């Protein structure tokens, strides 16, 4: 997962937490030529957001504490994310 990759970049790669987050968000978007559409939070950009219970910039493991996801303008709380799909 991206979280595992971020943790490895910090723990084994010696990256700062902000650089590890950039390495899994804005840098890949730029490398694929999508940096004008997504990869950062700015007006006019497409964005899905994750709200954490703690600040992952202080401790990258906090990225495992997902509380809320905003996807395509819809807000999903943790209990919704943990539900199994019907069918």
PDB file of N, CA and C in Angstrom:
ATOM      1  N   UNK A   1       0.835  -1.186   0.000  1.00  0.00           N
ATOM      2  CA  UNK A   1       0.000   0.000   0.000  1.00  0.00           C
ATOM      3  C   UNK A   1       0.881   1.251   0.000  1.00  0.00           C
ATOM      4  N   UNK A   2       0.283   2.366  -0.326  1.00  0.00           N
ATOM      5  CA  UNK A   2       1.031   3.623  -0.310  1.00  0.00           C
ATOM      6  C   UNK A   2       1.527   3.957   1.088  1.00  0.00           C
ATOM      7  N   UNK A   3       0.741   3.604   2.092  1.00  0.00           N
ATOM      8  CA  UNK A   3       1.159   3.888   3.463  1.00  0.00           C
ATOM      9  C   UNK A   3       2.410   3.095   3.810  1.00  0.00           C
ATOM     10  N   UNK A   4       2.435   1.821   3.437  1.00  0.00           N
ATOM     11  CA  UNK A   4       3.615   0.988   3.688  1.00  0.00           C
ATOM     12  C   UNK A   4       4.824   1.561   2.958  1.00  0.00           C
ATOM     13  N   UNK A   5       4.617   2.014   1.727  1.00  0.00           N
ATOM     14  CA  UNK A   5       5.716   2.619   0.967  1.00  0.00           C
ATOM     15  C   UNK A   5       6.221   3.891   1.640  1.00  0.00           C
ATOM     16  N   UNK A   6       5.297   4.732   2.115  1.00  0.00           N
ATOM     17  CA  UNK A   6       5.716   5.952   2.805  1.00  0.00           C
ATOM     18  C   UNK A   6       6.517   5.621   4.057  1.00  0.00           C
ATOM     19  N   UNK A   7       6.037   4.649   4.821  1.00  0.00           N
ATOM     20  CA  UNK A   7       6.757   4.248   6.036  1.00  0.00           C
ATOM     21  C   UNK A   7       8.164   3.755   5.703  1.00  0.00           C
ATOM     22  N   UNK A   8       8.281   2.964   4.643  1.00  0.00           N
ATOM     23  CA  UNK A   8       9.595   2.440   4.242  1.00  0.00           C
ATOM     24  C   UNK A   8      10.520   3.565   3.782  1.00  0.00           C
ATOM     25  N   UNK A   9       9.981   4.534   3.063  1.00  0.00           N
ATOM     26  CA  UNK A   9      10.796   5.668   2.614  1.00  0.00           C
ATOM     27  C   UNK A   9      11.357   6.447   3.800  1.00  0.00           C
ATOM     28  N   UNK A  10      10.542   6.584   4.846  1.00  0.00           N
ATOM     29  CA  UNK A  10      10.988   7.300   6.041  1.00  0.00           C
ATOM     30  C   UNK A  10      11.953   6.442   6.853  1.00  0.00           C
ATOM     31  N   UNK A  11      11.546   5.198   7.107  1.00  0.00           N
ATOM     32  CA  UNK A  11      12.339   4.334   7.995  1.00  0.00           C
ATOM     33  C   UNK A  11      13.654   3.875   7.366  1.00  0.00           C
ATOM     34  N   UNK A  12      13.582   3.388   6.139  1.00  0.00           N
ATOM     35  CA  UNK A  12      14.764   2.799   5.509  1.00  0.00           C
ATOM     36  C   UNK A  12      15.449   3.727   4.505  1.00  0.00           C
ATOM     37  N   UNK A  13      14.675   4.642   3.938  1.00  0.00           N
ATOM     38  CA  UNK A  13      15.235   5.529   2.921  1.00  0.00           C
ATOM     39  C   UNK A  13      15.740   6.847   3.470  1.00  0.00           C
ATOM     40  N   UNK A  14      15.464   7.090   4.747  1.00  0.00           N
ATOM     41  CA  UNK A  14      15.940   8.314   5.370  1.00  0.00           C
ATOM     42  C   UNK A  14      15.221   9.575   4.927  1.00  0.00           C
ATOM     43  N   UNK A  15      14.054   9.429   4.295  1.00  0.00           N
ATOM     44  CA  UNK A  15      13.305  10.606   3.839  1.00  0.00           C
ATOM     45  C   UNK A  15      12.573  11.253   5.007  1.00  0.00           C
ATOM     46  N   UNK A  16      12.340  12.538   4.871  1.00  0.00           N
ATOM     47  CA  UNK A  16      11.463  13.222   5.827  1.00  0.00           C
ATOM     48  C   UNK A  16      10.031  12.787   5.524  1.00  0.00           C
ATOM     49  N   UNK A  17       9.140  12.979   6.475  1.00  0.00           N
ATOM     50  CA  UNK A  17       7.749  12.575   6.246  1.00  0.00           C
ATOM     51  C   UNK A  17       7.120  13.364   5.102  1.00  0.00           C
ATOM     52  N   UNK A  18       7.402  14.657   5.014  1.00  0.00           N
ATOM     53  CA  UNK A  18       6.821  15.449   3.930  1.00  0.00           C
ATOM     54  C   UNK A  18       7.343  14.988   2.576  1.00  0.00           C
ATOM     55  N   UNK A  19       8.620  14.639   2.490  1.00  0.00           N
ATOM     56  CA  UNK A  19       9.162  14.143   1.223  1.00  0.00           C
ATOM     57  C   UNK A  19       8.564  12.790   0.859  1.00  0.00           C
ATOM     58  N   UNK A  20       8.316  11.942   1.849  1.00  0.00           N
ATOM     59  CA  UNK A  20       7.684  10.645   1.580  1.00  0.00           C
ATOM     60  C   UNK A  20       6.257  10.837   1.084  1.00  0.00           C
ATOM     61  N   UNK A  21       5.542  11.806   1.650  1.00  0.00           N
ATOM     62  CA  UNK A  21       4.177  12.071   1.187  1.00  0.00           C
ATOM     63  C   UNK A  21       4.194  12.639  -0.229  1.00  0.00           C
ATOM     64  N   UNK A  22       5.125  13.508  -0.513  1.00  0.00           N
ATOM     65  CA  UNK A  22       5.249  14.043  -1.878  1.00  0.00           C
ATOM     66  C   UNK A  22       5.612  12.933  -2.868  1.00  0.00           C
ATOM     67  N   UNK A  23       6.444  11.986  -2.421  1.00  0.00           N
ATOM     68  CA  UNK A  23       6.878  10.884  -3.292  1.00  0.00           C
ATOM     69  C   UNK A  23       5.729   9.964  -3.670  1.00  0.00           C
ATOM     70  N   UNK A  24       4.620  10.047  -2.946  1.00  0.00           N
ATOM     71  CA  UNK A  24       3.467   9.201  -3.260  1.00  0.00           C
ATOM     72  C   UNK A  24       2.256  10.015  -3.722  1.00  0.00           C
ATOM     73  N   UNK A  25       2.441  11.317  -3.934  1.00  0.00           N
ATOM     74  CA  UNK A  25       1.321  12.162  -4.378  1.00  0.00           C
ATOM     75  C   UNK A  25       1.736  13.053  -5.546  1.00  0.00           C
ATOM     76  N   UNK A  26       2.326  14.195  -5.251  1.00  0.00           N
ATOM     77  CA  UNK A  26       2.610  15.186  -6.298  1.00  0.00           C
ATOM     78  C   UNK A  26       3.717  14.766  -7.258  1.00  0.00           C
ATOM     79  N   UNK A  27       4.725  14.064  -6.790  1.00  0.00           N
ATOM     80  CA  UNK A  27       5.824  13.663  -7.683  1.00  0.00           C
ATOM     81  C   UNK A  27       5.357  12.660  -8.741  1.00  0.00           C
ATOM     82  N   UNK A  28       4.606  11.595  -8.377  1.00  0.00           N
ATOM     83  CA  UNK A  28       4.112  10.690  -9.423  1.00  0.00           C
ATOM     84  C   UNK A  28       3.160  11.393 -10.402  1.00  0.00           C
ATOM     85  N   UNK A  29       2.327  12.304  -9.884  1.00  0.00           N
ATOM     86  CA  UNK A  29       1.424  13.039 -10.780  1.00  0.00           C
ATOM     87  C   UNK A  29       2.224  13.826 -11.812  1.00  0.00           C
ATOM     88  N   UNK A  30       3.283  14.480 -11.373  1.00  0.00           N
ATOM     89  CA  UNK A  30       4.132  15.242 -12.298  1.00  0.00           C
ATOM     90  C   UNK A  30       4.843  14.321 -13.277  1.00  0.00           C
ATOM     91  N   UNK A  31       5.330  13.184 -12.792  1.00  0.00           N
ATOM     92  CA  UNK A  31       6.056  12.246 -13.660  1.00  0.00           C
ATOM     93  C   UNK A  31       5.166  11.701 -14.769  1.00  0.00           C
ATOM     94  N   UNK A  32       3.866  11.579 -14.482  1.00  0.00           N
ATOM     95  CA  UNK A  32       2.925  11.065 -15.485  1.00  0.00           C
ATOM     96  C   UNK A  32       2.282  12.182 -16.299  1.00  0.00           C
ATOM     97  N   UNK A  33       2.673  13.429 -16.023  1.00  0.00           N
ATOM     98  CA  UNK A  33       2.134  14.551 -16.773  1.00  0.00           C
ATOM     99  C   UNK A  33       0.759  15.003 -16.328  1.00  0.00           C
ATOM    100  N   UNK A  34       0.349  14.621 -15.124  1.00  0.00           N
ATOM    101  CA  UNK A  34      -0.975  14.984 -14.616  1.00  0.00           C
ATOM    102  C   UNK A  34      -0.928  16.081 -13.562  1.00  0.00           C
ATOM    103  N   UNK A  35       0.204  16.712 -13.367  1.00  0.00           N
ATOM    104  CA  UNK A  35       0.347  17.674 -12.280  1.00  0.00           C
ATOM    105  C   UNK A  35      -0.504  18.931 -12.456  1.00  0.00           C
ATOM    106  N   UNK A  36      -1.064  19.146 -13.625  1.00  0.00           N
ATOM    107  CA  UNK A  36      -1.982  20.278 -13.810  1.00  0.00           C
ATOM    108  C   UNK A  36      -3.413  19.896 -13.457  1.00  0.00           C
ATOM    109  N   UNK A  37      -3.635  18.595 -13.220  1.00  0.00           N
ATOM    110  CA  UNK A  37      -4.971  18.108 -12.884  1.00  0.00           C
ATOM    111  C   UNK A  37      -5.085  17.667 -11.434  1.00  0.00           C
ATOM    112  N   UNK A  38      -4.091  16.913 -10.963  1.00  0.00           N
ATOM    113  CA  UNK A  38      -4.126  16.439  -9.578  1.00  0.00           C
ATOM    114  C   UNK A  38      -2.722  16.196  -9.056  1.00  0.00           C
ATOM    115  N   UNK A  39      -2.635  15.872  -7.777  1.00  0.00           N
ATOM    116  CA  UNK A  39      -1.336  15.643  -7.146  1.00  0.00           C
ATOM    117  C   UNK A  39      -1.012  16.672  -6.085  1.00  0.00           C
ATOM    118  N   UNK A  40      -1.831  17.727  -6.018  1.00  0.00           N
ATOM    119  CA  UNK A  40      -1.666  18.735  -4.969  1.00  0.00           C
ATOM    120  C   UNK A  40      -3.032  19.349  -4.676  1.00  0.00           C
ATOM    121  N   UNK A  41      -3.114  20.049  -3.575  1.00  0.00           N
ATOM    122  CA  UNK A  41      -4.375  20.679  -3.171  1.00  0.00           C
ATOM    123  C   UNK A  41      -4.279  22.165  -3.498  1.00  0.00           C
ATOM    124  N   UNK A  42      -4.966  22.539  -4.584  1.00  0.00           N
ATOM    125  CA  UNK A  42      -4.992  23.925  -5.041  1.00  0.00           C
ATOM    126  C   UNK A  42      -6.323  24.166  -5.736  1.00  0.00           C
ATOM    127  N   UNK A  43      -6.767  25.424  -5.818  1.00  0.00           N
ATOM    128  CA  UNK A  43      -8.004  25.719  -6.532  1.00  0.00           C
ATOM    129  C   UNK A  43      -7.950  25.194  -7.969  1.00  0.00           C
ATOM    130  N   UNK A  44      -9.038  24.573  -8.398  1.00  0.00           N
ATOM    131  CA  UNK A  44      -9.145  24.064  -9.752  1.00  0.00           C
ATOM    132  C   UNK A  44      -8.582  22.672  -9.965  1.00  0.00           C
ATOM    133  N   UNK A  45      -7.940  22.100  -8.945  1.00  0.00           N
ATOM    134  CA  UNK A  45      -7.355  20.760  -9.063  1.00  0.00           C
ATOM    135  C   UNK A  45      -8.382  19.712  -8.653  1.00  0.00           C
ATOM    136  N   UNK A  46      -8.287  18.525  -9.247  1.00  0.00           N
ATOM    137  CA  UNK A  46      -9.078  17.390  -8.803  1.00  0.00           C
ATOM    138  C   UNK A  46      -8.425  16.841  -7.546  1.00  0.00           C
ATOM    139  N   UNK A  47      -9.232  16.493  -6.546  1.00  0.00           N
ATOM    140  CA  UNK A  47      -8.623  16.000  -5.309  1.00  0.00           C
ATOM    141  C   UNK A  47      -9.565  15.077  -4.556  1.00  0.00           C
ATOM    142  N   UNK A  48      -9.048  13.958  -4.144  1.00  0.00           N
ATOM    143  CA  UNK A  48      -9.679  13.117  -3.144  1.00  0.00           C
ATOM    144  C   UNK A  48      -8.834  13.324  -1.894  1.00  0.00           C
ATOM    145  N   UNK A  49      -9.480  13.473  -0.763  1.00  0.00           N
ATOM    146  CA  UNK A  49      -8.763  13.816   0.463  1.00  0.00           C
ATOM    147  C   UNK A  49      -8.930  12.741   1.520  1.00  0.00           C
ATOM    148  N   UNK A  50      -7.935  12.616   2.375  1.00  0.00           N
ATOM    149  CA  UNK A  50      -7.980  11.710   3.512  1.00  0.00           C
ATOM    150  C   UNK A  50      -7.751  12.544   4.763  1.00  0.00           C
ATOM    151  N   UNK A  51      -8.607  12.337   5.770  1.00  0.00           N
ATOM    152  CA  UNK A  51      -8.448  13.009   7.055  1.00  0.00           C
ATOM    153  C   UNK A  51      -7.932  11.977   8.048  1.00  0.00           C
ATOM    154  N   UNK A  52      -6.809  12.279   8.671  1.00  0.00           N
ATOM    155  CA  UNK A  52      -6.185  11.372   9.628  1.00  0.00           C
ATOM    156  C   UNK A  52      -6.528  11.790  11.054  1.00  0.00           C
ATOM    157  N   UNK A  53      -6.417  10.844  11.987  1.00  0.00           N
ATOM    158  CA  UNK A  53      -6.664  11.130  13.396  1.00  0.00           C
ATOM    159  C   UNK A  53      -5.510  11.854  14.061  1.00  0.00           C
ATOM    160  N   UNK A  54      -4.351  11.839  13.436  1.00  0.00           N
ATOM    161  CA  UNK A  54      -3.162  12.526  13.947  1.00  0.00           C
ATOM    162  C   UNK A  54      -2.386  13.054  12.743  1.00  0.00           C
ATOM    163  N   UNK A  55      -1.360  13.807  12.998  1.00  0.00           N
ATOM    164  CA  UNK A  55      -0.598  14.449  11.930  1.00  0.00           C
ATOM    165  C   UNK A  55       0.504  13.527  11.405  1.00  0.00           C
ATOM    166  N   UNK A  56       0.375  13.014  10.174  1.00  0.00           N
ATOM    167  CA  UNK A  56       1.411  12.131   9.637  1.00  0.00           C
ATOM    168  C   UNK A  56       2.740  12.842   9.364  1.00  0.00           C
ATOM    169  N   UNK A  57       2.738  14.165   9.370  1.00  0.00           N
ATOM    170  CA  UNK A  57       4.004  14.883   9.213  1.00  0.00           C
ATOM    171  C   UNK A  57       4.850  14.783  10.480  1.00  0.00           C
ATOM    172  N   UNK A  58       4.190  14.545  11.608  1.00  0.00           N
ATOM    173  CA  UNK A  58       4.910  14.357  12.868  1.00  0.00           C
ATOM    174  C   UNK A  58       5.343  12.907  13.045  1.00  0.00           C
ATOM    175  N   UNK A  59       4.511  11.979  12.573  1.00  0.00           N
ATOM    176  CA  UNK A  59       4.820  10.545  12.650  1.00  0.00           C
ATOM    177  C   UNK A  59       4.116   9.873  11.480  1.00  0.00           C
ATOM    178  N   UNK A  60       4.868   9.336  10.544  1.00  0.00           N
ATOM    179  CA  UNK A  60       4.292   8.781   9.317  1.00  0.00           C
ATOM    180  C   UNK A  60       3.295   7.663   9.600  1.00  0.00           C
ATOM    181  N   UNK A  61       3.434   6.968  10.739  1.00  0.00           N
ATOM    182  CA  UNK A  61       2.494   5.895  11.083  1.00  0.00           C
ATOM    183  C   UNK A  61       1.077   6.429  11.297  1.00  0.00           C
ATOM    184  N   UNK A  62       0.942   7.712  11.551  1.00  0.00           N
ATOM    185  CA  UNK A  62      -0.379   8.313  11.708  1.00  0.00           C
ATOM    186  C   UNK A  62      -1.193   8.204  10.421  1.00  0.00           C
ATOM    187  N   UNK A  63      -0.546   7.965   9.298  1.00  0.00           N
ATOM    188  CA  UNK A  63      -1.259   7.790   8.028  1.00  0.00           C
ATOM    189  C   UNK A  63      -2.119   6.529   8.045  1.00  0.00           C
ATOM    190  N   UNK A  64      -1.893   5.646   9.001  1.00  0.00           N
ATOM    191  CA  UNK A  64      -2.727   4.447   9.144  1.00  0.00           C
ATOM    192  C   UNK A  64      -4.022   4.739   9.904  1.00  0.00           C
ATOM    193  N   UNK A  65      -4.113   5.925  10.504  1.00  0.00           N
ATOM    194  CA  UNK A  65      -5.274   6.298  11.314  1.00  0.00           C
ATOM    195  C   UNK A  65      -6.251   7.134  10.486  1.00  0.00           C
ATOM    196  N   UNK A  66      -6.829   6.511   9.468  1.00  0.00           N
ATOM    197  CA  UNK A  66      -7.767   7.195   8.568  1.00  0.00           C
ATOM    198  C   UNK A  66      -9.106   7.358   9.279  1.00  0.00           C
ATOM    199  N   UNK A  67      -9.621   8.580   9.279  1.00  0.00           N
ATOM    200  CA  UNK A  67     -10.910   8.856   9.916  1.00  0.00           C
ATOM    201  C   UNK A  67     -12.001   9.142   8.892  1.00  0.00           C
ATOM    202  N   UNK A  68     -11.634   9.871   7.841  1.00  0.00           N
ATOM    203  CA  UNK A  68     -12.610  10.308   6.845  1.00  0.00           C
ATOM    204  C   UNK A  68     -11.931  10.345   5.482  1.00  0.00           C
ATOM    205  N   UNK A  69     -12.707  10.019   4.442  1.00  0.00           N
ATOM    206  CA  UNK A  69     -12.232  10.134   3.064  1.00  0.00           C
ATOM    207  C   UNK A  69     -13.238  10.983   2.295  1.00  0.00           C
ATOM    208  N   UNK A  70     -12.745  11.921   1.515  1.00  0.00           N
ATOM    209  CA  UNK A  70     -13.592  12.697   0.613  1.00  0.00           C
ATOM    210  C   UNK A  70     -13.231  12.241  -0.794  1.00  0.00           C
ATOM    211  N   UNK A  71     -14.186  11.602  -1.468  1.00  0.00           N
ATOM    212  CA  UNK A  71     -13.972  11.023  -2.801  1.00  0.00           C
ATOM    213  C   UNK A  71     -15.061  11.536  -3.722  1.00  0.00           C
ATOM    214  N   UNK A  72     -14.657  12.177  -4.813  1.00  0.00           N
ATOM    215  CA  UNK A  72     -15.614  12.735  -5.777  1.00  0.00           C
ATOM    216  C   UNK A  72     -16.655  13.620  -5.096  1.00  0.00           C
ATOM    217  N   UNK A  73     -16.222  14.382  -4.089  1.00  0.00           N
ATOM    218  CA  UNK A  73     -17.113  15.295  -3.383  1.00  0.00           C
ATOM    219  C   UNK A  73     -17.988  14.645  -2.329  1.00  0.00           C
ATOM    220  N   UNK A  74     -17.917  13.339  -2.186  1.00  0.00           N
ATOM    221  CA  UNK A  74     -18.709  12.614  -1.176  1.00  0.00           C
ATOM    222  C   UNK A  74     -17.841  12.337   0.040  1.00  0.00           C
ATOM    223  N   UNK A  75     -18.425  12.507   1.222  1.00  0.00           N
ATOM    224  CA  UNK A  75     -17.701  12.296   2.474  1.00  0.00           C
ATOM    225  C   UNK A  75     -18.030  10.916   3.017  1.00  0.00           C
ATOM    226  N   UNK A  76     -16.983  10.143   3.302  1.00  0.00           N
ATOM    227  CA  UNK A  76     -17.132   8.803   3.863  1.00  0.00           C
ATOM    228  C   UNK A  76     -16.447   8.767   5.222  1.00  0.00           C
ATOM    229  N   UNK A  77     -17.220   8.498   6.262  1.00  0.00           N
ATOM    230  CA  UNK A  77     -16.659   8.361   7.608  1.00  0.00           C
ATOM    231  C   UNK A  77     -16.118   6.949   7.774  1.00  0.00           C
ATOM    232  N   UNK A  78     -15.318   6.737   8.812  1.00  0.00           N
ATOM    233  CA  UNK A  78     -14.640   5.467   9.037  1.00  0.00           C
ATOM    234  C   UNK A  78     -15.600   4.285   9.037  1.00  0.00           C
ATOM    235  N   UNK A  79     -16.751   4.400   9.721  1.00  0.00           N
ATOM    236  CA  UNK A  79     -17.676   3.261   9.776  1.00  0.00           C
ATOM    237  C   UNK A  79     -18.193   2.888   8.389  1.00  0.00           C
ATOM    238  N   UNK A  80     -18.388   3.856   7.520  1.00  0.00           N
ATOM    239  CA  UNK A  80     -18.808   3.567   6.144  1.00  0.00           C
ATOM    240  C   UNK A  80     -17.697   2.869   5.369  1.00  0.00           C
ATOM    241  N   UNK A  81     -16.468   3.285   5.601  1.00  0.00           N
ATOM    242  CA  UNK A  81     -15.334   2.704   4.889  1.00  0.00           C
ATOM    243  C   UNK A  81     -15.118   1.249   5.273  1.00  0.00           C
ATOM    244  N   UNK A  82     -15.489   0.888   6.496  1.00  0.00           N
ATOM    245  CA  UNK A  82     -15.266  -0.470   6.989  1.00  0.00           C
ATOM    246  C   UNK A  82     -16.390  -1.438   6.631  1.00  0.00           C
ATOM    247  N   UNK A  83     -17.511  -0.928   6.117  1.00  0.00           N
ATOM    248  CA  UNK A  83     -18.629  -1.794   5.736  1.00  0.00           C
ATOM    249  C   UNK A  83     -18.285  -2.593   4.494  1.00  0.00           C
ATOM    250  N   UNK A  84     -18.748  -3.832   4.484  1.00  0.00           N
ATOM    251  CA  UNK A  84     -18.572  -4.666   3.289  1.00  0.00           C
ATOM    252  C   UNK A  84     -19.598  -4.268   2.241  1.00  0.00           C
ATOM    253  N   UNK A  85     -19.204  -4.286   0.982  1.00  0.00           N
ATOM    254  CA  UNK A  85     -20.163  -3.975  -0.084  1.00  0.00           C
ATOM    255  C   UNK A  85     -21.278  -5.017  -0.125  1.00  0.00           C
ATOM    256  N   UNK A  86     -22.462  -4.583  -0.480  1.00  0.00           N
ATOM    257  CA  UNK A  86     -23.594  -5.510  -0.607  1.00  0.00           C
ATOM    258  C   UNK A  86     -23.361  -6.435  -1.789  1.00  0.00           C
ATOM    259  N   UNK A  87     -23.828  -7.666  -1.630  1.00  0.00           N
ATOM    260  CA  UNK A  87     -23.743  -8.602  -2.748  1.00  0.00           C
ATOM    261  C   UNK A  87     -22.672  -9.542  -2.570  1.00  0.00           C
TER     262      UNK A  87
END
